[in-house]
Amino acid sequence: MVERFNGRISDVLSTRCYVSGEDLEQTLKRYAWLYNHHISQKALHHQSSIAAMKEWQVKCPELLTKRVVNHTGLDT
């Protein structure tokens, strides 16, 4: 799964030129959000990553120590 994700990131990065590090960072953040919220994963029974985590949190709350939230970024 990691290799596929990295390949998709590589494809995204090769489709355009970036004018700054901030531009690149925003593109990566947008792709991570899209990947986590909207791209269904076969290994997760065709759910997005966030949808699967929310389901797991309801079914087995002891598995997750933090609340599943709807934004990308570092957990604090």
PDB file of N, CA and C in Angstrom:
ATOM      1  N   MET A   1       0.820  -1.189   0.000  1.00  0.00           N
ATOM      2  CA  MET A   1       0.000   0.000   0.000  1.00  0.00           C
ATOM      3  C   MET A   1       0.867   1.257   0.000  1.00  0.00           C
ATOM      4  N   VAL A   2       1.970   1.204   0.726  1.00  0.00           N
ATOM      5  CA  VAL A   2       2.849   2.369   0.791  1.00  0.00           C
ATOM      6  C   VAL A   2       3.456   2.647  -0.576  1.00  0.00           C
ATOM      7  N   GLU A   3       3.875   1.606  -1.266  1.00  0.00           N
ATOM      8  CA  GLU A   3       4.467   1.799  -2.591  1.00  0.00           C
ATOM      9  C   GLU A   3       3.457   2.384  -3.566  1.00  0.00           C
ATOM     10  N   ARG A   4       2.216   1.942  -3.487  1.00  0.00           N
ATOM     11  CA  ARG A   4       1.175   2.498  -4.361  1.00  0.00           C
ATOM     12  C   ARG A   4       0.941   3.975  -4.031  1.00  0.00           C
ATOM     13  N   PHE A   5       0.870   4.295  -2.743  1.00  0.00           N
ATOM     14  CA  PHE A   5       0.673   5.688  -2.326  1.00  0.00           C
ATOM     15  C   PHE A   5       1.831   6.550  -2.821  1.00  0.00           C
ATOM     16  N   ASN A   6       3.054   6.068  -2.637  1.00  0.00           N
ATOM     17  CA  ASN A   6       4.217   6.833  -3.092  1.00  0.00           C
ATOM     18  C   ASN A   6       4.199   7.014  -4.607  1.00  0.00           C
ATOM     19  N   GLY A   7       3.764   5.992  -5.337  1.00  0.00           N
ATOM     20  CA  GLY A   7       3.649   6.118  -6.788  1.00  0.00           C
ATOM     21  C   GLY A   7       2.631   7.173  -7.181  1.00  0.00           C
ATOM     22  N   ARG A   8       1.510   7.216  -6.454  1.00  0.00           N
ATOM     23  CA  ARG A   8       0.495   8.230  -6.738  1.00  0.00           C
ATOM     24  C   ARG A   8       1.029   9.624  -6.430  1.00  0.00           C
ATOM     25  N   ILE A   9       1.763   9.769  -5.338  1.00  0.00           N
ATOM     26  CA  ILE A   9       2.374  11.059  -5.000  1.00  0.00           C
ATOM     27  C   ILE A   9       3.333  11.469  -6.109  1.00  0.00           C
ATOM     28  N   SER A  10       4.127  10.524  -6.587  1.00  0.00           N
ATOM     29  CA  SER A  10       5.063  10.807  -7.674  1.00  0.00           C
ATOM     30  C   SER A  10       4.329  11.289  -8.916  1.00  0.00           C
ATOM     31  N   ASP A  11       3.208  10.653  -9.241  1.00  0.00           N
ATOM     32  CA  ASP A  11       2.407  11.069 -10.399  1.00  0.00           C
ATOM     33  C   ASP A  11       1.872  12.485 -10.218  1.00  0.00           C
ATOM     34  N   VAL A  12       1.395  12.786  -9.021  1.00  0.00           N
ATOM     35  CA  VAL A  12       0.871  14.131  -8.738  1.00  0.00           C
ATOM     36  C   VAL A  12       1.977  15.174  -8.893  1.00  0.00           C
ATOM     37  N   LEU A  13       3.145  14.877  -8.349  1.00  0.00           N
ATOM     38  CA  LEU A  13       4.240  15.838  -8.379  1.00  0.00           C
ATOM     39  C   LEU A  13       4.802  16.055  -9.784  1.00  0.00           C
ATOM     40  N   SER A  14       4.691  15.051 -10.630  1.00  0.00           N
ATOM     41  CA  SER A  14       5.252  15.177 -11.977  1.00  0.00           C
ATOM     42  C   SER A  14       4.314  15.876 -12.962  1.00  0.00           C
ATOM     43  N   THR A  15       3.102  16.208 -12.541  1.00  0.00           N
ATOM     44  CA  THR A  15       2.143  16.795 -13.462  1.00  0.00           C
ATOM     45  C   THR A  15       2.238  18.305 -13.570  1.00  0.00           C
ATOM     46  N   ARG A  16       2.996  18.946 -12.697  1.00  0.00           N
ATOM     47  CA  ARG A  16       3.107  20.395 -12.796  1.00  0.00           C
ATOM     48  C   ARG A  16       4.410  20.894 -12.199  1.00  0.00           C
ATOM     49  N   CYS A  17       4.734  22.142 -12.484  1.00  0.00           N
ATOM     50  CA  CYS A  17       5.919  22.786 -11.923  1.00  0.00           C
ATOM     51  C   CYS A  17       5.502  23.593 -10.705  1.00  0.00           C
ATOM     52  N   TYR A  18       6.349  23.641  -9.723  1.00  0.00           N
ATOM     53  CA  TYR A  18       6.048  24.353  -8.480  1.00  0.00           C
ATOM     54  C   TYR A  18       6.925  25.587  -8.385  1.00  0.00           C
ATOM     55  N   VAL A  19       6.316  26.695  -8.008  1.00  0.00           N
ATOM     56  CA  VAL A  19       7.038  27.963  -7.974  1.00  0.00           C
ATOM     57  C   VAL A  19       7.696  28.201  -6.627  1.00  0.00           C
ATOM     58  N   SER A  20       7.279  27.457  -5.600  1.00  0.00           N
ATOM     59  CA  SER A  20       7.865  27.643  -4.281  1.00  0.00           C
ATOM     60  C   SER A  20       7.642  26.390  -3.445  1.00  0.00           C
ATOM     61  N   GLY A  21       8.324  26.352  -2.320  1.00  0.00           N
ATOM     62  CA  GLY A  21       8.127  25.260  -1.380  1.00  0.00           C
ATOM     63  C   GLY A  21       6.712  25.260  -0.816  1.00  0.00           C
ATOM     64  N   GLU A  22       6.163  26.459  -0.645  1.00  0.00           N
ATOM     65  CA  GLU A  22       4.790  26.569  -0.132  1.00  0.00           C
ATOM     66  C   GLU A  22       3.788  25.987  -1.130  1.00  0.00           C
ATOM     67  N   ASP A  23       4.021  26.228  -2.405  1.00  0.00           N
ATOM     68  CA  ASP A  23       3.159  25.685  -3.453  1.00  0.00           C
ATOM     69  C   ASP A  23       3.193  24.157  -3.415  1.00  0.00           C
ATOM     70  N   LEU A  24       4.380  23.596  -3.293  1.00  0.00           N
ATOM     71  CA  LEU A  24       4.541  22.152  -3.195  1.00  0.00           C
ATOM     72  C   LEU A  24       3.853  21.625  -1.934  1.00  0.00           C
ATOM     73  N   GLU A  25       4.042  22.309  -0.822  1.00  0.00           N
ATOM     74  CA  GLU A  25       3.423  21.882   0.440  1.00  0.00           C
ATOM     75  C   GLU A  25       1.899  21.876   0.342  1.00  0.00           C
ATOM     76  N   GLN A  26       1.322  22.906  -0.254  1.00  0.00           N
ATOM     77  CA  GLN A  26      -0.133  22.972  -0.410  1.00  0.00           C
ATOM     78  C   GLN A  26      -0.650  21.849  -1.306  1.00  0.00           C
ATOM     79  N   THR A  27       0.090  21.552  -2.367  1.00  0.00           N
ATOM     80  CA  THR A  27      -0.303  20.460  -3.259  1.00  0.00           C
ATOM     81  C   THR A  27      -0.299  19.131  -2.516  1.00  0.00           C
ATOM     82  N   LEU A  28       0.729  18.890  -1.717  1.00  0.00           N
ATOM     83  CA  LEU A  28       0.806  17.645  -0.956  1.00  0.00           C
ATOM     84  C   LEU A  28      -0.298  17.556   0.089  1.00  0.00           C
ATOM     85  N   LYS A  29      -0.603  18.671   0.746  1.00  0.00           N
ATOM     86  CA  LYS A  29      -1.687  18.682   1.730  1.00  0.00           C
ATOM     87  C   LYS A  29      -3.036  18.406   1.066  1.00  0.00           C
ATOM     88  N   ARG A  30      -3.276  19.025  -0.093  1.00  0.00           N
ATOM     89  CA  ARG A  30      -4.537  18.784  -0.807  1.00  0.00           C
ATOM     90  C   ARG A  30      -4.656  17.328  -1.230  1.00  0.00           C
ATOM     91  N   TYR A  31      -3.562  16.756  -1.721  1.00  0.00           N
ATOM     92  CA  TYR A  31      -3.613  15.360  -2.142  1.00  0.00           C
ATOM     93  C   TYR A  31      -3.835  14.443  -0.942  1.00  0.00           C
ATOM     94  N   ALA A  32      -3.165  14.705   0.169  1.00  0.00           N
ATOM     95  CA  ALA A  32      -3.357  13.880   1.369  1.00  0.00           C
ATOM     96  C   ALA A  32      -4.812  13.950   1.829  1.00  0.00           C
ATOM     97  N   TRP A  33      -5.419  15.138   1.783  1.00  0.00           N
ATOM     98  CA  TRP A  33      -6.825  15.283   2.163  1.00  0.00           C
ATOM     99  C   TRP A  33      -7.712  14.486   1.210  1.00  0.00           C
ATOM    100  N   LEU A  34      -7.470  14.628  -0.083  1.00  0.00           N
ATOM    101  CA  LEU A  34      -8.246  13.897  -1.082  1.00  0.00           C
ATOM    102  C   LEU A  34      -8.098  12.388  -0.877  1.00  0.00           C
ATOM    103  N   TYR A  35      -6.887  11.937  -0.697  1.00  0.00           N
ATOM    104  CA  TYR A  35      -6.615  10.508  -0.516  1.00  0.00           C
ATOM    105  C   TYR A  35      -7.320   9.968   0.725  1.00  0.00           C
ATOM    106  N   ASN A  36      -7.241  10.683   1.825  1.00  0.00           N
ATOM    107  CA  ASN A  36      -7.817  10.207   3.083  1.00  0.00           C
ATOM    108  C   ASN A  36      -9.333  10.284   3.129  1.00  0.00           C
ATOM    109  N   HIS A  37      -9.928  11.242   2.434  1.00  0.00           N
ATOM    110  CA  HIS A  37     -11.356  11.478   2.556  1.00  0.00           C
ATOM    111  C   HIS A  37     -12.186  10.982   1.372  1.00  0.00           C
ATOM    112  N   HIS A  38     -11.600  10.888   0.196  1.00  0.00           N
ATOM    113  CA  HIS A  38     -12.421  10.625  -0.986  1.00  0.00           C
ATOM    114  C   HIS A  38     -12.001   9.443  -1.844  1.00  0.00           C
ATOM    115  N   ILE A  39     -10.797   8.947  -1.706  1.00  0.00           N
ATOM    116  CA  ILE A  39     -10.359   7.833  -2.530  1.00  0.00           C
ATOM    117  C   ILE A  39     -10.605   6.543  -1.763  1.00  0.00           C
ATOM    118  N   SER A  40     -11.510   5.726  -2.280  1.00  0.00           N
ATOM    119  CA  SER A  40     -11.837   4.476  -1.595  1.00  0.00           C
ATOM    120  C   SER A  40     -10.697   3.475  -1.771  1.00  0.00           C
ATOM    121  N   GLN A  41     -10.522   2.658  -0.762  1.00  0.00           N
ATOM    122  CA  GLN A  41      -9.441   1.676  -0.748  1.00  0.00           C
ATOM    123  C   GLN A  41     -10.034   0.267  -0.746  1.00  0.00           C
ATOM    124  N   LYS A  42      -9.579  -0.552  -1.661  1.00  0.00           N
ATOM    125  CA  LYS A  42     -10.078  -1.928  -1.757  1.00  0.00           C
ATOM    126  C   LYS A  42      -9.841  -2.680  -0.445  1.00  0.00           C
ATOM    127  N   ALA A  43      -8.677  -2.474   0.173  1.00  0.00           N
ATOM    128  CA  ALA A  43      -8.340  -3.163   1.422  1.00  0.00           C
ATOM    129  C   ALA A  43      -9.254  -2.741   2.574  1.00  0.00           C
ATOM    130  N   LEU A  44      -9.928  -1.608   2.440  1.00  0.00           N
ATOM    131  CA  LEU A  44     -10.834  -1.111   3.477  1.00  0.00           C
ATOM    132  C   LEU A  44     -12.290  -1.300   3.056  1.00  0.00           C
ATOM    133  N   HIS A  45     -12.531  -2.292   2.222  1.00  0.00           N
ATOM    134  CA  HIS A  45     -13.881  -2.600   1.724  1.00  0.00           C
ATOM    135  C   HIS A  45     -14.483  -1.410   0.987  1.00  0.00           C
ATOM    136  N   HIS A  46     -13.665  -0.787   0.162  1.00  0.00           N
ATOM    137  CA  HIS A  46     -14.071   0.324  -0.703  1.00  0.00           C
ATOM    138  C   HIS A  46     -14.579   1.540   0.077  1.00  0.00           C
ATOM    139  N   GLN A  47     -13.930   1.797   1.198  1.00  0.00           N
ATOM    140  CA  GLN A  47     -14.196   3.004   1.987  1.00  0.00           C
ATOM    141  C   GLN A  47     -12.961   3.880   1.942  1.00  0.00           C
ATOM    142  N   SER A  48     -13.148   5.157   2.243  1.00  0.00           N
ATOM    143  CA  SER A  48     -11.991   6.024   2.393  1.00  0.00           C
ATOM    144  C   SER A  48     -11.326   5.719   3.732  1.00  0.00           C
ATOM    145  N   SER A  49     -10.099   6.155   3.888  1.00  0.00           N
ATOM    146  CA  SER A  49      -9.363   5.901   5.129  1.00  0.00           C
ATOM    147  C   SER A  49     -10.074   6.493   6.340  1.00  0.00           C
ATOM    148  N   ILE A  50     -10.536   7.729   6.225  1.00  0.00           N
ATOM    149  CA  ILE A  50     -11.211   8.396   7.339  1.00  0.00           C
ATOM    150  C   ILE A  50     -12.518   7.682   7.677  1.00  0.00           C
ATOM    151  N   ALA A  51     -13.279   7.279   6.681  1.00  0.00           N
ATOM    152  CA  ALA A  51     -14.540   6.576   6.931  1.00  0.00           C
ATOM    153  C   ALA A  51     -14.280   5.258   7.667  1.00  0.00           C
ATOM    154  N   ALA A  52     -13.243   4.539   7.273  1.00  0.00           N
ATOM    155  CA  ALA A  52     -12.916   3.278   7.939  1.00  0.00           C
ATOM    156  C   ALA A  52     -12.488   3.522   9.380  1.00  0.00           C
ATOM    157  N   MET A  53     -11.682   4.542   9.611  1.00  0.00           N
ATOM    158  CA  MET A  53     -11.251   4.845  10.973  1.00  0.00           C
ATOM    159  C   MET A  53     -12.423   5.251  11.858  1.00  0.00           C
ATOM    160  N   LYS A  54     -13.356   6.026  11.309  1.00  0.00           N
ATOM    161  CA  LYS A  54     -14.543   6.408  12.086  1.00  0.00           C
ATOM    162  C   LYS A  54     -15.366   5.176  12.440  1.00  0.00           C
ATOM    163  N   GLU A  55     -15.474   4.254  11.506  1.00  0.00           N
ATOM    164  CA  GLU A  55     -16.212   3.010  11.759  1.00  0.00           C
ATOM    165  C   GLU A  55     -15.521   2.201  12.856  1.00  0.00           C
ATOM    166  N   TRP A  56     -14.185   2.097  12.772  1.00  0.00           N
ATOM    167  CA  TRP A  56     -13.434   1.368  13.789  1.00  0.00           C
ATOM    168  C   TRP A  56     -13.572   2.030  15.154  1.00  0.00           C
ATOM    169  N   GLN A  57     -13.603   3.357  15.156  1.00  0.00           N
ATOM    170  CA  GLN A  57     -13.712   4.075  16.428  1.00  0.00           C
ATOM    171  C   GLN A  57     -15.043   3.767  17.119  1.00  0.00           C
ATOM    172  N   VAL A  58     -16.101   3.602  16.338  1.00  0.00           N
ATOM    173  CA  VAL A  58     -17.405   3.275  16.914  1.00  0.00           C
ATOM    174  C   VAL A  58     -17.437   1.815  17.383  1.00  0.00           C
ATOM    175  N   LYS A  59     -16.916   0.911  16.550  1.00  0.00           N
ATOM    176  CA  LYS A  59     -16.980  -0.514  16.860  1.00  0.00           C
ATOM    177  C   LYS A  59     -16.011  -0.922  17.968  1.00  0.00           C
ATOM    178  N   CYS A  60     -14.806  -0.381  17.942  1.00  0.00           N
ATOM    179  CA  CYS A  60     -13.762  -0.766  18.905  1.00  0.00           C
ATOM    180  C   CYS A  60     -13.023   0.483  19.390  1.00  0.00           C
ATOM    181  N   PRO A  61     -13.645   1.269  20.249  1.00  0.00           N
ATOM    182  CA  PRO A  61     -13.023   2.529  20.669  1.00  0.00           C
ATOM    183  C   PRO A  61     -11.687   2.349  21.384  1.00  0.00           C
ATOM    184  N   GLU A  62     -11.433   1.178  21.933  1.00  0.00           N
ATOM    185  CA  GLU A  62     -10.163   0.949  22.629  1.00  0.00           C
ATOM    186  C   GLU A  62      -8.979   0.875  21.669  1.00  0.00           C
ATOM    187  N   LEU A  63      -9.227   0.686  20.379  1.00  0.00           N
ATOM    188  CA  LEU A  63      -8.144   0.618  19.396  1.00  0.00           C
ATOM    189  C   LEU A  63      -7.523   1.972  19.109  1.00  0.00           C
ATOM    190  N   LEU A  64      -8.305   3.032  19.228  1.00  0.00           N
ATOM    191  CA  LEU A  64      -7.825   4.369  18.891  1.00  0.00           C
ATOM    192  C   LEU A  64      -7.772   5.222  20.151  1.00  0.00           C
ATOM    193  N   THR A  65      -6.605   5.794  20.412  1.00  0.00           N
ATOM    194  CA  THR A  65      -6.454   6.604  21.619  1.00  0.00           C
ATOM    195  C   THR A  65      -6.870   8.053  21.397  1.00  0.00           C
ATOM    196  N   LYS A  66      -6.958   8.471  20.143  1.00  0.00           N
ATOM    197  CA  LYS A  66      -7.360   9.840  19.820  1.00  0.00           C
ATOM    198  C   LYS A  66      -8.605   9.819  18.962  1.00  0.00           C
ATOM    199  N   ARG A  67      -9.359  10.883  19.030  1.00  0.00           N
ATOM    200  CA  ARG A  67     -10.595  11.023  18.255  1.00  0.00           C
ATOM    201  C   ARG A  67     -10.255  11.214  16.776  1.00  0.00           C
ATOM    202  N   VAL A  68     -10.980  10.548  15.910  1.00  0.00           N
ATOM    203  CA  VAL A  68     -10.800  10.703  14.459  1.00  0.00           C
ATOM    204  C   VAL A  68     -11.435  12.034  14.059  1.00  0.00           C
ATOM    205  N   VAL A  69     -10.648  12.883  13.406  1.00  0.00           N
ATOM    206  CA  VAL A  69     -11.119  14.193  12.988  1.00  0.00           C
ATOM    207  C   VAL A  69     -11.058  14.324  11.473  1.00  0.00           C
ATOM    208  N   ASN A  70     -11.681  15.350  10.959  1.00  0.00           N
ATOM    209  CA  ASN A  70     -11.807  15.512   9.506  1.00  0.00           C
ATOM    210  C   ASN A  70     -10.789  16.468   8.886  1.00  0.00           C
ATOM    211  N   HIS A  71      -9.593  16.531   9.410  1.00  0.00           N
ATOM    212  CA  HIS A  71      -8.600  17.400   8.788  1.00  0.00           C
ATOM    213  C   HIS A  71      -7.241  16.724   8.797  1.00  0.00           C
ATOM    214  N   THR A  72      -6.397  17.150   7.884  1.00  0.00           N
ATOM    215  CA  THR A  72      -5.052  16.592   7.810  1.00  0.00           C
ATOM    216  C   THR A  72      -4.145  17.386   8.719  1.00  0.00           C
ATOM    217  N   GLY A  73      -3.018  16.860   9.000  1.00  0.00           N
ATOM    218  CA  GLY A  73      -2.049  17.548   9.831  1.00  0.00           C
ATOM    219  C   GLY A  73      -1.644  16.676  11.002  1.00  0.00           C
ATOM    220  N   LEU A  74      -0.785  17.219  11.826  1.00  0.00           N
ATOM    221  CA  LEU A  74      -0.270  16.471  12.965  1.00  0.00           C
ATOM    222  C   LEU A  74      -1.330  16.367  14.060  1.00  0.00           C
ATOM    223  N   ASP A  75      -1.371  15.228  14.736  1.00  0.00           N
ATOM    224  CA  ASP A  75      -2.222  15.083  15.906  1.00  0.00           C
ATOM    225  C   ASP A  75      -1.551  15.793  17.074  1.00  0.00           C
ATOM    226  N   THR A  76      -2.355  16.482  17.844  1.00  0.00           N
ATOM    227  CA  THR A  76      -1.797  17.158  19.024  1.00  0.00           C
ATOM    228  C   THR A  76      -2.534  16.736  20.264  1.00  0.00           C
TER     229      THR A  76
END
